[in-house]
Amino acid sequence: MATTIRLARHGAKKHPFYRIVVADRRAPRSGRRLDQIGTYDPSQDPPKVILEEEKLALWLRRGARPSLTVSQLIKRGGFSGLAQRHLDPVQPTLDPAAHAGIPAPDPGEAQT
């Protein structure tokens, strides 16, 4: 089962409050979750991030991948004790050659 660490929106209209959750990638944004590992409150100044570091490390070891936003929150929150390779989210590529295993052409080379 592919899992992701992402934000689930809660709170009132125009007053967001997010829970940092571990969920199946196919589940809806605020739907079924496997575990809650923290919270994020952007309405405070500065925004407040609370993470349970043990749960975060456990899910990262199990193979859960953080979303781009969550990985930025983790880095900003000072949880750098975790392995850096776990915090880098998978970035989608726009180059179709990367998916086919074909090396991309060098932009400095002339096409013939």
N, C-alpha and C. Protein backbone atom coordinates (compact mmCIF):
# COMPACT_ATOMS: atom_id res chain seq x y z
N MET A 1 0.85 -1.17 0.00
CA MET A 1 0.00 0.00 0.00
C MET A 1 0.90 1.24 0.00
N ALA A 2 0.70 2.12 -0.95
CA ALA A 2 1.47 3.36 -1.05
C ALA A 2 0.86 4.40 -0.11
N THR A 3 1.68 4.91 0.81
CA THR A 3 1.19 5.88 1.78
C THR A 3 1.89 7.21 1.58
N THR A 4 1.21 8.25 1.98
CA THR A 4 1.76 9.59 1.88
C THR A 4 1.47 10.34 3.17
N ILE A 5 2.35 11.27 3.50
CA ILE A 5 2.16 12.16 4.65
C ILE A 5 1.72 13.49 4.07
N ARG A 6 0.52 13.92 4.43
CA ARG A 6 -0.04 15.13 3.83
C ARG A 6 -0.91 15.87 4.83
N LEU A 7 -1.45 17.01 4.38
CA LEU A 7 -2.30 17.84 5.23
C LEU A 7 -3.76 17.49 5.00
N ALA A 8 -4.54 17.48 6.09
CA ALA A 8 -5.99 17.32 6.02
C ALA A 8 -6.59 18.59 6.61
N ARG A 9 -7.43 19.29 5.85
CA ARG A 9 -7.95 20.59 6.26
C ARG A 9 -9.11 20.44 7.22
N HIS A 10 -9.06 21.22 8.29
CA HIS A 10 -10.13 21.30 9.27
C HIS A 10 -10.29 22.77 9.62
N GLY A 11 -11.20 23.10 10.49
CA GLY A 11 -11.40 24.49 10.89
C GLY A 11 -12.56 25.11 10.14
N ALA A 12 -12.84 26.35 10.48
CA ALA A 12 -13.97 27.07 9.89
C ALA A 12 -13.59 27.70 8.56
N LYS A 13 -14.59 28.23 7.90
CA LYS A 13 -14.35 28.92 6.64
C LYS A 13 -13.44 30.12 6.86
N LYS A 14 -12.42 30.27 6.05
CA LYS A 14 -11.43 31.35 6.11
C LYS A 14 -10.57 31.31 7.37
N HIS A 15 -10.66 30.24 8.14
CA HIS A 15 -9.82 30.03 9.33
C HIS A 15 -9.30 28.59 9.31
N PRO A 16 -8.36 28.32 8.41
CA PRO A 16 -7.94 26.93 8.25
C PRO A 16 -7.09 26.44 9.41
N PHE A 17 -7.18 25.16 9.63
CA PHE A 17 -6.37 24.44 10.60
C PHE A 17 -6.11 23.08 9.97
N TYR A 18 -4.88 22.65 9.96
CA TYR A 18 -4.53 21.41 9.26
C TYR A 18 -4.01 20.37 10.23
N ARG A 19 -4.37 19.12 9.97
CA ARG A 19 -3.78 17.99 10.66
C ARG A 19 -2.79 17.34 9.70
N ILE A 20 -1.64 16.97 10.20
CA ILE A 20 -0.66 16.27 9.39
C ILE A 20 -0.94 14.78 9.59
N VAL A 21 -1.34 14.13 8.51
CA VAL A 21 -1.82 12.75 8.60
C VAL A 21 -1.06 11.85 7.64
N VAL A 22 -1.09 10.57 7.94
CA VAL A 22 -0.59 9.53 7.04
C VAL A 22 -1.81 8.86 6.44
N ALA A 23 -1.87 8.81 5.12
CA ALA A 23 -3.04 8.25 4.45
C ALA A 23 -2.62 7.48 3.20
N ASP A 24 -3.50 6.63 2.76
CA ASP A 24 -3.33 5.95 1.49
C ASP A 24 -3.40 7.02 0.40
N ARG A 25 -2.58 6.91 -0.62
CA ARG A 25 -2.56 7.93 -1.68
C ARG A 25 -3.90 8.08 -2.39
N ARG A 26 -4.69 7.02 -2.40
CA ARG A 26 -5.97 7.06 -3.12
C ARG A 26 -7.10 7.66 -2.30
N ALA A 27 -6.89 7.86 -0.99
CA ALA A 27 -7.94 8.40 -0.13
C ALA A 27 -8.12 9.90 -0.39
N PRO A 28 -9.33 10.43 -0.20
CA PRO A 28 -9.55 11.87 -0.39
C PRO A 28 -8.79 12.71 0.63
N ARG A 29 -8.63 14.00 0.35
CA ARG A 29 -7.82 14.91 1.16
C ARG A 29 -8.15 14.87 2.64
N SER A 30 -9.39 15.01 2.99
CA SER A 30 -9.78 15.00 4.40
C SER A 30 -10.55 13.74 4.76
N GLY A 31 -10.29 12.69 4.02
CA GLY A 31 -11.01 11.44 4.23
C GLY A 31 -10.29 10.50 5.17
N ARG A 32 -10.35 9.22 4.84
CA ARG A 32 -9.80 8.17 5.69
C ARG A 32 -8.30 8.33 5.85
N ARG A 33 -7.84 8.18 7.10
CA ARG A 33 -6.41 8.30 7.37
C ARG A 33 -5.95 7.11 8.18
N LEU A 34 -4.65 6.84 8.13
CA LEU A 34 -4.07 5.74 8.90
C LEU A 34 -3.62 6.21 10.27
N ASP A 35 -3.07 7.43 10.35
CA ASP A 35 -2.54 7.94 11.60
C ASP A 35 -2.44 9.46 11.51
N GLN A 36 -2.57 10.12 12.65
CA GLN A 36 -2.34 11.56 12.73
C GLN A 36 -1.02 11.76 13.45
N ILE A 37 -0.09 12.50 12.82
CA ILE A 37 1.23 12.66 13.42
C ILE A 37 1.53 14.09 13.83
N GLY A 38 0.61 15.03 13.58
CA GLY A 38 0.87 16.40 14.00
C GLY A 38 -0.21 17.36 13.53
N THR A 39 0.04 18.65 13.79
CA THR A 39 -0.89 19.71 13.38
C THR A 39 -0.10 20.89 12.82
N TYR A 40 -0.80 21.71 12.04
CA TYR A 40 -0.23 22.92 11.46
C TYR A 40 -1.30 24.00 11.53
N ASP A 41 -0.97 25.12 12.20
CA ASP A 41 -1.90 26.23 12.34
C ASP A 41 -1.30 27.47 11.68
N PRO A 42 -1.70 27.78 10.42
CA PRO A 42 -1.13 28.92 9.73
C PRO A 42 -1.67 30.27 10.19
N SER A 43 -2.73 30.28 11.01
CA SER A 43 -3.32 31.56 11.42
C SER A 43 -2.55 32.23 12.54
N GLN A 44 -1.66 31.50 13.22
CA GLN A 44 -0.85 32.12 14.26
C GLN A 44 0.34 32.83 13.64
N ASP A 45 0.93 33.75 14.40
CA ASP A 45 2.09 34.48 13.90
C ASP A 45 3.26 34.25 14.83
N PRO A 46 4.26 33.50 14.49
CA PRO A 46 4.49 32.73 13.26
C PRO A 46 3.64 31.46 13.23
N PRO A 47 3.44 30.88 12.05
CA PRO A 47 2.65 29.65 11.95
C PRO A 47 3.21 28.56 12.85
N LYS A 48 2.32 27.83 13.50
CA LYS A 48 2.72 26.83 14.50
C LYS A 48 2.64 25.43 13.91
N VAL A 49 3.75 24.69 14.01
CA VAL A 49 3.83 23.31 13.55
C VAL A 49 4.15 22.43 14.75
N ILE A 50 3.32 21.42 14.99
CA ILE A 50 3.55 20.46 16.06
C ILE A 50 3.61 19.09 15.41
N LEU A 51 4.73 18.37 15.62
CA LEU A 51 4.91 17.04 15.05
C LEU A 51 5.35 16.08 16.14
N GLU A 52 4.81 14.87 16.08
CA GLU A 52 5.29 13.80 16.95
C GLU A 52 6.44 13.14 16.19
N GLU A 53 7.66 13.45 16.62
CA GLU A 53 8.84 13.04 15.87
C GLU A 53 9.00 11.52 15.79
N GLU A 54 8.62 10.81 16.83
CA GLU A 54 8.74 9.35 16.80
C GLU A 54 7.81 8.73 15.77
N LYS A 55 6.57 9.23 15.70
CA LYS A 55 5.62 8.71 14.70
C LYS A 55 6.08 9.07 13.30
N LEU A 56 6.60 10.28 13.14
CA LEU A 56 7.10 10.70 11.82
C LEU A 56 8.23 9.79 11.37
N ALA A 57 9.18 9.53 12.25
CA ALA A 57 10.31 8.66 11.90
C ALA A 57 9.83 7.25 11.58
N LEU A 58 8.86 6.75 12.35
CA LEU A 58 8.32 5.42 12.11
C LEU A 58 7.71 5.31 10.72
N TRP A 59 6.88 6.28 10.34
CA TRP A 59 6.22 6.23 9.03
C TRP A 59 7.21 6.46 7.89
N LEU A 60 8.23 7.28 8.11
CA LEU A 60 9.24 7.45 7.07
C LEU A 60 10.03 6.17 6.87
N ARG A 61 10.33 5.45 7.95
CA ARG A 61 11.03 4.16 7.82
C ARG A 61 10.15 3.14 7.11
N ARG A 62 8.85 3.22 7.29
CA ARG A 62 7.93 2.29 6.63
C ARG A 62 7.73 2.61 5.15
N GLY A 63 8.24 3.75 4.70
CA GLY A 63 8.16 4.07 3.27
C GLY A 63 7.14 5.13 2.91
N ALA A 64 6.53 5.79 3.87
CA ALA A 64 5.58 6.87 3.56
C ALA A 64 6.35 8.05 2.99
N ARG A 65 5.81 8.66 1.96
CA ARG A 65 6.47 9.80 1.31
C ARG A 65 5.72 11.08 1.65
N PRO A 66 6.43 12.11 2.15
CA PRO A 66 5.75 13.37 2.47
C PRO A 66 5.42 14.14 1.21
N SER A 67 4.31 14.88 1.27
CA SER A 67 3.99 15.78 0.17
C SER A 67 4.98 16.93 0.18
N LEU A 68 4.99 17.73 -0.86
CA LEU A 68 5.92 18.85 -0.96
C LEU A 68 5.72 19.82 0.21
N THR A 69 4.48 20.14 0.52
CA THR A 69 4.18 21.07 1.61
C THR A 69 4.62 20.51 2.95
N VAL A 70 4.33 19.26 3.20
CA VAL A 70 4.70 18.66 4.48
C VAL A 70 6.22 18.57 4.61
N SER A 71 6.92 18.24 3.54
CA SER A 71 8.38 18.18 3.63
C SER A 71 8.96 19.56 3.95
N GLN A 72 8.37 20.62 3.42
CA GLN A 72 8.83 21.97 3.75
C GLN A 72 8.53 22.30 5.21
N LEU A 73 7.37 21.87 5.72
CA LEU A 73 7.04 22.11 7.12
C LEU A 73 7.99 21.35 8.04
N ILE A 74 8.36 20.15 7.67
CA ILE A 74 9.28 19.36 8.48
C ILE A 74 10.65 20.04 8.53
N LYS A 75 11.12 20.50 7.39
CA LYS A 75 12.42 21.18 7.35
C LYS A 75 12.38 22.48 8.13
N ARG A 76 11.30 23.24 7.98
CA ARG A 76 11.16 24.51 8.67
C ARG A 76 10.99 24.32 10.18
N GLY A 77 10.39 23.19 10.57
CA GLY A 77 10.17 22.91 11.98
C GLY A 77 11.42 22.45 12.71
N GLY A 78 12.51 22.24 12.00
CA GLY A 78 13.76 21.86 12.64
C GLY A 78 13.88 20.39 12.96
N PHE A 79 13.20 19.54 12.23
CA PHE A 79 13.29 18.11 12.45
C PHE A 79 14.33 17.52 11.50
N SER A 80 15.54 18.08 11.54
CA SER A 80 16.59 17.66 10.62
C SER A 80 17.32 16.43 11.11
N GLY A 81 16.97 15.90 12.29
CA GLY A 81 17.60 14.69 12.79
C GLY A 81 17.23 13.48 11.97
N LEU A 82 16.18 13.58 11.18
CA LEU A 82 15.75 12.47 10.34
C LEU A 82 16.60 12.42 9.08
N ALA A 83 16.68 11.28 8.47
CA ALA A 83 17.48 11.13 7.26
C ALA A 83 16.95 12.05 6.17
N GLN A 84 17.86 12.77 5.53
CA GLN A 84 17.48 13.75 4.52
C GLN A 84 16.81 13.08 3.31
N ARG A 85 17.20 11.85 3.01
CA ARG A 85 16.61 11.19 1.84
C ARG A 85 15.13 10.91 2.02
N HIS A 86 14.67 10.81 3.27
CA HIS A 86 13.26 10.58 3.52
C HIS A 86 12.44 11.85 3.30
N LEU A 87 13.07 13.01 3.47
CA LEU A 87 12.32 14.26 3.41
C LEU A 87 12.17 14.81 2.00
N ASP A 88 12.91 14.29 1.04
CA ASP A 88 12.79 14.78 -0.31
C ASP A 88 11.60 14.12 -0.99
N PRO A 89 10.53 14.88 -1.29
CA PRO A 89 9.37 14.28 -1.94
C PRO A 89 9.66 13.95 -3.40
N VAL A 90 8.87 13.08 -3.94
CA VAL A 90 9.01 12.73 -5.35
C VAL A 90 8.48 13.90 -6.17
N GLN A 91 9.33 14.44 -7.04
CA GLN A 91 8.93 15.55 -7.88
C GLN A 91 8.53 15.01 -9.25
N PRO A 92 7.38 15.41 -9.76
CA PRO A 92 6.99 14.95 -11.10
C PRO A 92 7.90 15.58 -12.16
N THR A 93 8.25 14.79 -13.15
CA THR A 93 9.08 15.30 -14.23
C THR A 93 8.22 15.59 -15.46
N LEU A 94 8.60 16.59 -16.18
CA LEU A 94 7.87 16.95 -17.39
C LEU A 94 8.53 16.36 -18.63
N ASP A 95 9.69 15.74 -18.46
CA ASP A 95 10.43 15.18 -19.57
C ASP A 95 9.97 13.74 -19.81
N PRO A 96 9.31 13.44 -20.93
CA PRO A 96 8.85 12.08 -21.17
C PRO A 96 9.99 11.09 -21.36
N ALA A 97 11.18 11.56 -21.75
CA ALA A 97 12.31 10.66 -21.94
C ALA A 97 12.77 10.08 -20.60
N ALA A 98 12.55 10.81 -19.51
CA ALA A 98 12.96 10.32 -18.19
C ALA A 98 12.15 9.09 -17.80
N HIS A 99 10.91 9.00 -18.24
CA HIS A 99 10.07 7.86 -17.91
C HIS A 99 10.40 6.65 -18.79
N ALA A 100 10.95 6.89 -19.98
CA ALA A 100 11.25 5.79 -20.89
C ALA A 100 12.66 5.25 -20.69
N GLY A 101 13.45 5.86 -19.81
CA GLY A 101 14.81 5.41 -19.58
C GLY A 101 15.78 5.91 -20.63
N ILE A 102 15.37 6.84 -21.47
CA ILE A 102 16.23 7.41 -22.50
C ILE A 102 16.89 8.65 -21.93
N PRO A 103 18.21 8.78 -22.06
CA PRO A 103 18.84 9.99 -21.53
C PRO A 103 18.37 11.23 -22.29
N ALA A 104 18.16 12.29 -21.58
CA ALA A 104 17.71 13.55 -22.19
C ALA A 104 18.87 14.17 -22.98
N PRO A 105 18.58 14.81 -24.11
CA PRO A 105 19.67 15.43 -24.89
C PRO A 105 20.22 16.65 -24.15
N ASP A 106 21.51 16.89 -24.36
CA ASP A 106 22.16 18.04 -23.78
C ASP A 106 21.68 19.30 -24.50
N PRO A 107 21.20 20.33 -23.79
CA PRO A 107 20.69 21.51 -24.46
C PRO A 107 21.76 22.26 -25.25
N GLY A 108 23.03 22.06 -24.93
CA GLY A 108 24.11 22.76 -25.65
C GLY A 108 24.46 22.12 -26.96
N GLU A 109 24.05 20.86 -27.17
CA GLU A 109 24.36 20.17 -28.42
C GLU A 109 23.38 20.56 -29.51
N ALA A 110 23.88 20.60 -30.73
CA ALA A 110 23.02 20.92 -31.89
C ALA A 110 22.35 19.64 -32.36
N GLN A 111 21.08 19.74 -32.66
CA GLN A 111 20.32 18.59 -33.18
C GLN A 111 20.55 18.48 -34.67
N THR A 112 20.81 17.26 -35.18
CA THR A 112 20.99 17.07 -36.63
C THR A 112 19.89 16.24 -37.21
